Amino acid sequence: RHGFRSVPQWTWTVPLPAVRRAGFSPVDHCVPDEVKRLRSTLA
């Protein structure tokens, strides 16, 4: 009633490599330097 309209949202599905290196690790929000690095990258 205020002029907003719904817009459809979509997902794309792609295959994963069978072998992966596990190069990613979780960010610890209790470590200030990790959060600072994340914020710098976001900016």
All heavy atoms as atom14 arrays in JSON, in Angstrom:
{
  "sequence": "RHGFRSVPQWTWTVPLPAVRRAGFSPVDHCVPDEVKRLRSTLA",
  "atom14_mask": [
    [1, 1, 1, 1, 1, 1, 1, 1, 1, 1, 1, 0, 0, 0],
    [1, 1, 1, 1, 1, 1, 1, 1, 1, 1, 0, 0, 0, 0],
    [1, 1, 1, 1, 0, 0, 0, 0, 0, 0, 0, 0, 0, 0],
    [1, 1, 1, 1, 1, 1, 1, 1, 1, 1, 1, 0, 0, 0],
    [1, 1, 1, 1, 1, 1, 1, 1, 1, 1, 1, 0, 0, 0],
    [1, 1, 1, 1, 1, 1, 0, 0, 0, 0, 0, 0, 0, 0],
    [1, 1, 1, 1, 1, 1, 1, 0, 0, 0, 0, 0, 0, 0],
    [1, 1, 1, 1, 1, 1, 1, 0, 0, 0, 0, 0, 0, 0],
    [1, 1, 1, 1, 1, 1, 1, 1, 1, 0, 0, 0, 0, 0],
    [1, 1, 1, 1, 1, 1, 1, 1, 1, 1, 1, 1, 1, 1],
    [1, 1, 1, 1, 1, 1, 1, 0, 0, 0, 0, 0, 0, 0],
    [1, 1, 1, 1, 1, 1, 1, 1, 1, 1, 1, 1, 1, 1],
    [1, 1, 1, 1, 1, 1, 1, 0, 0, 0, 0, 0, 0, 0],
    [1, 1, 1, 1, 1, 1, 1, 0, 0, 0, 0, 0, 0, 0],
    [1, 1, 1, 1, 1, 1, 1, 0, 0, 0, 0, 0, 0, 0],
    [1, 1, 1, 1, 1, 1, 1, 1, 0, 0, 0, 0, 0, 0],
    [1, 1, 1, 1, 1, 1, 1, 0, 0, 0, 0, 0, 0, 0],
    [1, 1, 1, 1, 1, 0, 0, 0, 0, 0, 0, 0, 0, 0],
    [1, 1, 1, 1, 1, 1, 1, 0, 0, 0, 0, 0, 0, 0],
    [1, 1, 1, 1, 1, 1, 1, 1, 1, 1, 1, 0, 0, 0],
    [1, 1, 1, 1, 1, 1, 1, 1, 1, 1, 1, 0, 0, 0],
    [1, 1, 1, 1, 1, 0, 0, 0, 0, 0, 0, 0, 0, 0],
    [1, 1, 1, 1, 0, 0, 0, 0, 0, 0, 0, 0, 0, 0],
    [1, 1, 1, 1, 1, 1, 1, 1, 1, 1, 1, 0, 0, 0],
    [1, 1, 1, 1, 1, 1, 0, 0, 0, 0, 0, 0, 0, 0],
    [1, 1, 1, 1, 1, 1, 1, 0, 0, 0, 0, 0, 0, 0],
    [1, 1, 1, 1, 1, 1, 1, 0, 0, 0, 0, 0, 0, 0],
    [1, 1, 1, 1, 1, 1, 1, 1, 0, 0, 0, 0, 0, 0],
    [1, 1, 1, 1, 1, 1, 1, 1, 1, 1, 0, 0, 0, 0],
    [1, 1, 1, 1, 1, 1, 0, 0, 0, 0, 0, 0, 0, 0],
    [1, 1, 1, 1, 1, 1, 1, 0, 0, 0, 0, 0, 0, 0],
    [1, 1, 1, 1, 1, 1, 1, 0, 0, 0, 0, 0, 0, 0],
    [1, 1, 1, 1, 1, 1, 1, 1, 0, 0, 0, 0, 0, 0],
    [1, 1, 1, 1, 1, 1, 1, 1, 1, 0, 0, 0, 0, 0],
    [1, 1, 1, 1, 1, 1, 1, 0, 0, 0, 0, 0, 0, 0],
    [1, 1, 1, 1, 1, 1, 1, 1, 1, 0, 0, 0, 0, 0],
    [1, 1, 1, 1, 1, 1, 1, 1, 1, 1, 1, 0, 0, 0],
    [1, 1, 1, 1, 1, 1, 1, 1, 0, 0, 0, 0, 0, 0],
    [1, 1, 1, 1, 1, 1, 1, 1, 1, 1, 1, 0, 0, 0],
    [1, 1, 1, 1, 1, 1, 0, 0, 0, 0, 0, 0, 0, 0],
    [1, 1, 1, 1, 1, 1, 1, 0, 0, 0, 0, 0, 0, 0],
    [1, 1, 1, 1, 1, 1, 1, 1, 0, 0, 0, 0, 0, 0],
    [1, 1, 1, 1, 1, 0, 0, 0, 0, 0, 0, 0, 0, 0]
  ],
  "atom14_positions": [
    [[0.82, -1.22, 0.0], [0.0, 0.0, 0.0], [0.86, 1.27, 0.0], [0.35, 2.36, -0.23], [-0.94, 0.0, 1.2], [-0.25, 0.16, 2.54], [-1.19, 0.02, 3.72], [-1.69, -1.31, 3.87], [-2.08, -1.84, 5.04], [-2.0, -1.11, 6.14], [-2.53, -3.06, 5.11], [0.0, 0.0, 0.0], [0.0, 0.0, 0.0], [0.0, 0.0, 0.0]],
    [[2.16, 1.1, 0.28], [3.08, 2.24, 0.28], [3.98, 2.24, -0.95], [5.01, 2.92, -0.97], [3.93, 2.23, 1.55], [3.14, 2.41, 2.8], [2.72, 3.65, 3.26], [2.65, 1.5, 3.69], [2.02, 3.5, 4.38], [1.97, 2.21, 4.66], [0.0, 0.0, 0.0], [0.0, 0.0, 0.0], [0.0, 0.0, 0.0], [0.0, 0.0, 0.0]],
    [[3.59, 1.48, -1.97], [4.33, 1.53, -3.23], [5.48, 0.55, -3.35], [6.19, 0.57, -4.35], [0.0, 0.0, 0.0], [0.0, 0.0, 0.0], [0.0, 0.0, 0.0], [0.0, 0.0, 0.0], [0.0, 0.0, 0.0], [0.0, 0.0, 0.0], [0.0, 0.0, 0.0], [0.0, 0.0, 0.0], [0.0, 0.0, 0.0], [0.0, 0.0, 0.0]],
    [[5.66, -0.33, -2.37], [6.7, -1.36, -2.48], [6.18, -2.52, -3.32], [4.98, -2.84, -3.3], [7.1, -1.88, -1.1], [8.01, -0.95, -0.35], [7.51, 0.01, 0.5], [9.39, -1.04, -0.5], [8.34, 0.86, 1.2], [10.24, -0.2, 0.19], [9.71, 0.77, 1.04], [0.0, 0.0, 0.0], [0.0, 0.0, 0.0], [0.0, 0.0, 0.0]],
    [[7.07, -3.15, -4.05], [6.73, -4.31, -4.85], [7.76, -5.42, -4.59], [8.95, -5.14, -4.41], [6.7, -3.94, -6.34], [7.99, -3.32, -6.83], [7.8, -2.59, -8.16], [9.07, -2.03, -8.63], [9.54, -0.82, -8.29], [8.84, -0.04, -7.46], [10.7, -0.38, -8.77], [0.0, 0.0, 0.0], [0.0, 0.0, 0.0], [0.0, 0.0, 0.0]],
    [[7.29, -6.65, -4.59], [8.19, -7.79, -4.38], [8.99, -8.04, -5.65], [8.47, -7.95, -6.77], [7.39, -9.05, -4.03], [6.71, -8.88, -2.8], [0.0, 0.0, 0.0], [0.0, 0.0, 0.0], [0.0, 0.0, 0.0], [0.0, 0.0, 0.0], [0.0, 0.0, 0.0], [0.0, 0.0, 0.0], [0.0, 0.0, 0.0], [0.0, 0.0, 0.0]],
    [[10.27, -8.37, -5.48], [11.11, -8.72, -6.62], [11.62, -10.15, -6.4], [12.13, -10.48, -5.33], [12.28, -7.74, -6.81], [11.78, -6.41, -7.34], [13.06, -7.51, -5.52], [0.0, 0.0, 0.0], [0.0, 0.0, 0.0], [0.0, 0.0, 0.0], [0.0, 0.0, 0.0], [0.0, 0.0, 0.0], [0.0, 0.0, 0.0], [0.0, 0.0, 0.0]],
    [[11.45, -11.05, -7.38], [11.88, -12.44, -7.21], [13.38, -12.53, -6.93], [14.18, -11.75, -7.45], [11.54, -13.09, -8.56], [10.52, -12.18, -9.17], [10.85, -10.81, -8.7], [0.0, 0.0, 0.0], [0.0, 0.0, 0.0], [0.0, 0.0, 0.0], [0.0, 0.0, 0.0], [0.0, 0.0, 0.0], [0.0, 0.0, 0.0], [0.0, 0.0, 0.0]],
    [[13.74, -13.5, -6.09], [15.13, -13.74, -5.76], [15.52, -15.14, -6.26], [14.7, -16.06, -6.28], [15.34, -13.64, -4.25], [14.95, -12.28, -3.66], [15.84, -11.16, -4.14], [17.0, -11.05, -3.73], [15.32, -10.31, -5.02], [0.0, 0.0, 0.0], [0.0, 0.0, 0.0], [0.0, 0.0, 0.0], [0.0, 0.0, 0.0], [0.0, 0.0, 0.0]],
    [[16.8, -15.31, -6.6], [17.25, -16.51, -7.29], [18.48, -17.1, -6.63], [19.21, -16.44, -5.89], [17.56, -16.18, -8.76], [16.39, -15.62, -9.5], [15.92, -14.34, -9.45], [15.52, -16.33, -10.39], [14.81, -14.2, -10.25], [14.55, -15.4, -10.85], [15.48, -17.65, -10.85], [13.55, -15.76, -11.73], [14.48, -18.0, -11.74], [13.52, -17.06, -12.17]],
    [[18.7, -18.4, -6.91], [19.88, -19.12, -6.43], [20.52, -19.84, -7.61], [19.82, -20.32, -8.5], [19.48, -20.15, -5.35], [18.89, -19.47, -4.24], [20.7, -20.94, -4.86], [0.0, 0.0, 0.0], [0.0, 0.0, 0.0], [0.0, 0.0, 0.0], [0.0, 0.0, 0.0], [0.0, 0.0, 0.0], [0.0, 0.0, 0.0], [0.0, 0.0, 0.0]],
    [[21.84, -19.91, -7.6], [22.59, -20.64, -8.63], [23.33, -21.8, -7.95], [23.98, -21.6, -6.92], [23.59, -19.73, -9.3], [22.98, -18.68, -10.19], [22.93, -18.68, -11.55], [22.34, -17.46, -9.79], [22.29, -17.55, -12.02], [21.91, -16.79, -10.96], [22.06, -16.87, -8.55], [21.26, -15.57, -10.94], [21.4, -15.65, -8.51], [21.0, -15.01, -9.69]],
    [[23.23, -23.0, -8.5], [23.89, -24.17, -7.92], [25.0, -24.64, -8.84], [24.77, -24.86, -10.04], [22.87, -25.31, -7.7], [21.83, -24.84, -6.82], [23.55, -26.52, -7.07], [0.0, 0.0, 0.0], [0.0, 0.0, 0.0], [0.0, 0.0, 0.0], [0.0, 0.0, 0.0], [0.0, 0.0, 0.0], [0.0, 0.0, 0.0], [0.0, 0.0, 0.0]],
    [[26.2, -24.8, -8.27], [27.36, -25.21, -9.06], [28.02, -26.42, -8.38], [27.9, -26.6, -7.17], [28.38, -24.07, -9.22], [27.76, -22.9, -9.97], [28.9, -23.6, -7.87], [0.0, 0.0, 0.0], [0.0, 0.0, 0.0], [0.0, 0.0, 0.0], [0.0, 0.0, 0.0], [0.0, 0.0, 0.0], [0.0, 0.0, 0.0], [0.0, 0.0, 0.0]],
    [[28.73, -27.26, -9.16], [29.41, -28.41, -8.56], [30.63, -27.99, -7.75], [31.27, -26.98, -8.04], [29.82, -29.25, -9.78], [29.87, -28.28, -10.91], [28.85, -27.23, -10.62], [0.0, 0.0, 0.0], [0.0, 0.0, 0.0], [0.0, 0.0, 0.0], [0.0, 0.0, 0.0], [0.0, 0.0, 0.0], [0.0, 0.0, 0.0], [0.0, 0.0, 0.0]],
    [[30.93, -28.77, -6.73], [32.12, -28.57, -5.91], [33.25, -29.48, -6.39], [32.99, -30.6, -6.83], [31.82, -28.89, -4.45], [31.1, -27.81, -3.64], [30.63, -28.39, -2.31], [32.01, -26.61, -3.39], [0.0, 0.0, 0.0], [0.0, 0.0, 0.0], [0.0, 0.0, 0.0], [0.0, 0.0, 0.0], [0.0, 0.0, 0.0], [0.0, 0.0, 0.0]],
    [[34.5, -29.04, -6.3], [35.61, -29.94, -6.6], [35.61, -31.14, -5.66], [35.29, -31.0, -4.46], [36.85, -29.06, -6.38], [36.36, -27.65, -6.39], [34.95, -27.7, -5.91], [0.0, 0.0, 0.0], [0.0, 0.0, 0.0], [0.0, 0.0, 0.0], [0.0, 0.0, 0.0], [0.0, 0.0, 0.0], [0.0, 0.0, 0.0], [0.0, 0.0, 0.0]],
    [[35.96, -32.29, -6.16], [35.98, -33.5, -5.32], [37.03, -33.39, -4.23], [36.85, -33.88, -3.11], [36.23, -34.72, -6.19], [0.0, 0.0, 0.0], [0.0, 0.0, 0.0], [0.0, 0.0, 0.0], [0.0, 0.0, 0.0], [0.0, 0.0, 0.0], [0.0, 0.0, 0.0], [0.0, 0.0, 0.0], [0.0, 0.0, 0.0], [0.0, 0.0, 0.0]],
    [[38.17, -32.77, -4.55], [39.26, -32.6, -3.58], [39.42, -31.11, -3.3], [39.55, -30.31, -4.22], [40.58, -33.2, -4.11], [41.7, -32.97, -3.11], [40.4, -34.68, -4.42], [0.0, 0.0, 0.0], [0.0, 0.0, 0.0], [0.0, 0.0, 0.0], [0.0, 0.0, 0.0], [0.0, 0.0, 0.0], [0.0, 0.0, 0.0], [0.0, 0.0, 0.0]],
    [[39.42, -30.77, -2.0], [39.55, -29.37, -1.62], [40.66, -29.19, -0.59], [40.94, -30.09, 0.19], [38.21, -28.85, -1.09], [37.08, -29.03, -2.11], [35.85, -28.25, -1.77], [35.05, -28.8, -0.7], [34.17, -29.79, -0.84], [34.0, -30.35, -2.02], [33.47, -30.22, 0.17], [0.0, 0.0, 0.0], [0.0, 0.0, 0.0], [0.0, 0.0, 0.0]],
    [[41.28, -28.01, -0.57], [42.48, -27.78, 0.24], [42.19, -27.36, 1.67], [43.09, -27.33, 2.5], [43.33, -26.68, -0.42], [43.89, -27.04, -1.78], [44.57, -25.82, -2.37], [45.14, -26.08, -3.68], [45.45, -25.14, -4.55], [45.26, -23.86, -4.24], [45.97, -25.45, -5.73], [0.0, 0.0, 0.0], [0.0, 0.0, 0.0], [0.0, 0.0, 0.0]],
    [[40.98, -26.95, 1.97], [40.63, -26.45, 3.3], [41.48, -25.23, 3.66], [42.03, -25.12, 4.75], [40.77, -27.54, 4.36], [0.0, 0.0, 0.0], [0.0, 0.0, 0.0], [0.0, 0.0, 0.0], [0.0, 0.0, 0.0], [0.0, 0.0, 0.0], [0.0, 0.0, 0.0], [0.0, 0.0, 0.0], [0.0, 0.0, 0.0], [0.0, 0.0, 0.0]],
    [[41.57, -24.28, 2.71], [42.35, -23.07, 2.96], [41.61, -22.02, 3.77], [42.22, -21.06, 4.25], [0.0, 0.0, 0.0], [0.0, 0.0, 0.0], [0.0, 0.0, 0.0], [0.0, 0.0, 0.0], [0.0, 0.0, 0.0], [0.0, 0.0, 0.0], [0.0, 0.0, 0.0], [0.0, 0.0, 0.0], [0.0, 0.0, 0.0], [0.0, 0.0, 0.0]],
    [[40.29, -22.19, 3.94], [39.5, -21.25, 4.73], [39.4, -21.72, 6.18], [39.28, -22.93, 6.44], [38.09, -21.12, 4.16], [38.0, -20.24, 2.94], [38.04, -20.79, 1.67], [37.86, -18.87, 3.07], [37.95, -20.0, 0.53], [37.78, -18.06, 1.95], [37.82, -18.62, 0.67], [0.0, 0.0, 0.0], [0.0, 0.0, 0.0], [0.0, 0.0, 0.0]],
    [[39.42, -20.78, 7.1], [39.2, -21.09, 8.51], [38.33, -20.0, 9.13], [38.36, -18.84, 8.68], [40.53, -21.2, 9.27], [41.27, -20.0, 9.15], [0.0, 0.0, 0.0], [0.0, 0.0, 0.0], [0.0, 0.0, 0.0], [0.0, 0.0, 0.0], [0.0, 0.0, 0.0], [0.0, 0.0, 0.0], [0.0, 0.0, 0.0], [0.0, 0.0, 0.0]],
    [[37.53, -20.34, 10.15], [36.58, -19.38, 10.71], [37.27, -18.18, 11.35], [38.36, -18.28, 11.91], [35.82, -20.19, 11.76], [35.99, -21.62, 11.33], [37.35, -21.69, 10.72], [0.0, 0.0, 0.0], [0.0, 0.0, 0.0], [0.0, 0.0, 0.0], [0.0, 0.0, 0.0], [0.0, 0.0, 0.0], [0.0, 0.0, 0.0], [0.0, 0.0, 0.0]],
    [[36.6, -17.03, 11.26], [37.06, -15.81, 11.93], [36.64, -15.87, 13.39], [35.5, -16.22, 13.71], [36.46, -14.57, 11.24], [36.75, -13.31, 12.04], [36.99, -14.44, 9.83], [0.0, 0.0, 0.0], [0.0, 0.0, 0.0], [0.0, 0.0, 0.0], [0.0, 0.0, 0.0], [0.0, 0.0, 0.0], [0.0, 0.0, 0.0], [0.0, 0.0, 0.0]],
    [[37.55, -15.54, 14.29], [37.25, -15.51, 15.72], [36.93, -14.07, 16.11], [37.81, -13.21, 16.13], [38.46, -16.02, 16.52], [38.15, -16.19, 18.0], [37.15, -15.6, 18.48], [38.91, -16.89, 18.69], [0.0, 0.0, 0.0], [0.0, 0.0, 0.0], [0.0, 0.0, 0.0], [0.0, 0.0, 0.0], [0.0, 0.0, 0.0], [0.0, 0.0, 0.0]],
    [[35.66, -13.8, 16.43], [35.27, -12.43, 16.75], [35.83, -11.95, 18.08], [35.72, -10.77, 18.41], [33.73, -12.31, 16.76], [33.07, -13.0, 17.9], [32.8, -14.35, 17.9], [32.63, -12.52, 19.1], [32.21, -14.67, 19.03], [32.1, -13.6, 19.77], [0.0, 0.0, 0.0], [0.0, 0.0, 0.0], [0.0, 0.0, 0.0], [0.0, 0.0, 0.0]],
    [[36.45, -12.85, 18.84], [37.08, -12.46, 20.11], [38.52, -11.99, 19.93], [39.16, -11.57, 20.89], [37.04, -13.64, 21.1], [35.35, -14.08, 21.62], [0.0, 0.0, 0.0], [0.0, 0.0, 0.0], [0.0, 0.0, 0.0], [0.0, 0.0, 0.0], [0.0, 0.0, 0.0], [0.0, 0.0, 0.0], [0.0, 0.0, 0.0], [0.0, 0.0, 0.0]],
    [[39.03, -12.1, 18.71], [40.41, -11.67, 18.43], [40.35, -10.34, 17.69], [39.96, -10.29, 16.51], [41.16, -12.72, 17.58], [42.58, -12.25, 17.26], [41.19, -14.07, 18.32], [0.0, 0.0, 0.0], [0.0, 0.0, 0.0], [0.0, 0.0, 0.0], [0.0, 0.0, 0.0], [0.0, 0.0, 0.0], [0.0, 0.0, 0.0], [0.0, 0.0, 0.0]],
    [[40.71, -9.23, 18.35], [40.55, -7.91, 17.74], [41.23, -7.76, 16.38], [40.67, -7.13, 15.48], [41.16, -6.96, 18.78], [41.01, -7.68, 20.08], [41.19, -9.14, 19.75], [0.0, 0.0, 0.0], [0.0, 0.0, 0.0], [0.0, 0.0, 0.0], [0.0, 0.0, 0.0], [0.0, 0.0, 0.0], [0.0, 0.0, 0.0], [0.0, 0.0, 0.0]],
    [[42.43, -8.33, 16.22], [43.13, -8.18, 14.94], [42.38, -8.85, 13.8], [42.4, -8.37, 12.66], [44.55, -8.75, 15.05], [45.48, -7.83, 15.81], [45.09, -6.68, 16.08], [46.6, -8.27, 16.15], [0.0, 0.0, 0.0], [0.0, 0.0, 0.0], [0.0, 0.0, 0.0], [0.0, 0.0, 0.0], [0.0, 0.0, 0.0], [0.0, 0.0, 0.0]],
    [[41.7, -9.97, 14.09], [40.93, -10.65, 13.04], [39.74, -9.8, 12.61], [39.42, -9.69, 11.43], [40.47, -12.03, 13.52], [41.6, -13.05, 13.66], [41.08, -14.46, 13.71], [40.04, -14.75, 13.1], [41.73, -15.29, 14.38], [0.0, 0.0, 0.0], [0.0, 0.0, 0.0], [0.0, 0.0, 0.0], [0.0, 0.0, 0.0], [0.0, 0.0, 0.0]],
    [[39.08, -9.2, 13.59], [37.92, -8.36, 13.27], [38.39, -7.1, 12.54], [37.74, -6.64, 11.59], [37.15, -7.99, 14.55], [36.0, -7.05, 14.24], [36.62, -9.26, 15.23], [0.0, 0.0, 0.0], [0.0, 0.0, 0.0], [0.0, 0.0, 0.0], [0.0, 0.0, 0.0], [0.0, 0.0, 0.0], [0.0, 0.0, 0.0], [0.0, 0.0, 0.0]],
    [[39.52, -6.54, 12.96], [40.05, -5.34, 12.3], [40.38, -5.63, 10.84], [40.08, -4.83, 9.95], [41.31, -4.87, 13.03], [41.92, -3.6, 12.47], [43.14, -3.18, 13.29], [43.77, -1.91, 12.71], [44.96, -1.5, 13.52], [0.0, 0.0, 0.0], [0.0, 0.0, 0.0], [0.0, 0.0, 0.0], [0.0, 0.0, 0.0], [0.0, 0.0, 0.0]],
    [[40.97, -6.79, 10.56], [41.3, -7.16, 9.18], [40.03, -7.35, 8.35], [39.96, -6.91, 7.2], [42.12, -8.46, 9.18], [42.55, -8.93, 7.79], [43.38, -10.2, 7.89], [42.6, -11.29, 8.49], [43.13, -12.44, 8.9], [44.43, -12.65, 8.78], [42.36, -13.38, 9.42], [0.0, 0.0, 0.0], [0.0, 0.0, 0.0], [0.0, 0.0, 0.0]],
    [[39.02, -7.98, 8.94], [37.75, -8.15, 8.24], [37.12, -6.8, 7.92], [36.68, -6.56, 6.79], [36.79, -8.99, 9.09], [35.34, -9.07, 8.61], [35.24, -9.69, 7.23], [34.48, -9.84, 9.62], [0.0, 0.0, 0.0], [0.0, 0.0, 0.0], [0.0, 0.0, 0.0], [0.0, 0.0, 0.0], [0.0, 0.0, 0.0], [0.0, 0.0, 0.0]],
    [[37.09, -5.9, 8.89], [36.47, -4.59, 8.67], [37.22, -3.81, 7.59], [36.61, -3.11, 6.78], [36.42, -3.81, 9.97], [35.43, -4.38, 11.0], [35.35, -3.51, 12.23], [34.8, -2.21, 11.9], [33.51, -1.91, 11.97], [32.62, -2.83, 12.33], [33.09, -0.71, 11.67], [0.0, 0.0, 0.0], [0.0, 0.0, 0.0], [0.0, 0.0, 0.0]],
    [[38.54, -3.93, 7.58], [39.34, -3.23, 6.57], [39.01, -3.76, 5.18], [38.87, -2.98, 4.22], [40.83, -3.4, 6.86], [41.61, -2.79, 5.85], [0.0, 0.0, 0.0], [0.0, 0.0, 0.0], [0.0, 0.0, 0.0], [0.0, 0.0, 0.0], [0.0, 0.0, 0.0], [0.0, 0.0, 0.0], [0.0, 0.0, 0.0], [0.0, 0.0, 0.0]],
    [[38.86, -5.07, 5.05], [38.53, -5.66, 3.75], [37.12, -5.26, 3.32], [36.88, -4.94, 2.16], [38.66, -7.19, 3.8], [39.97, -7.55, 4.26], [38.45, -7.8, 2.42], [0.0, 0.0, 0.0], [0.0, 0.0, 0.0], [0.0, 0.0, 0.0], [0.0, 0.0, 0.0], [0.0, 0.0, 0.0], [0.0, 0.0, 0.0], [0.0, 0.0, 0.0]],
    [[36.18, -5.27, 4.27], [34.81, -4.85, 3.96], [34.77, -3.41, 3.45], [34.04, -3.07, 2.53], [33.92, -4.99, 5.19], [33.45, -6.4, 5.54], [32.93, -6.45, 6.97], [32.37, -6.86, 4.58], [0.0, 0.0, 0.0], [0.0, 0.0, 0.0], [0.0, 0.0, 0.0], [0.0, 0.0, 0.0], [0.0, 0.0, 0.0], [0.0, 0.0, 0.0]],
    [[35.59, -2.55, 4.06], [35.59, -1.13, 3.69], [36.12, -0.89, 2.28], [35.85, 0.15, 1.69], [36.4, -0.33, 4.7], [0.0, 0.0, 0.0], [0.0, 0.0, 0.0], [0.0, 0.0, 0.0], [0.0, 0.0, 0.0], [0.0, 0.0, 0.0], [0.0, 0.0, 0.0], [0.0, 0.0, 0.0], [0.0, 0.0, 0.0], [0.0, 0.0, 0.0]]
  ]
}
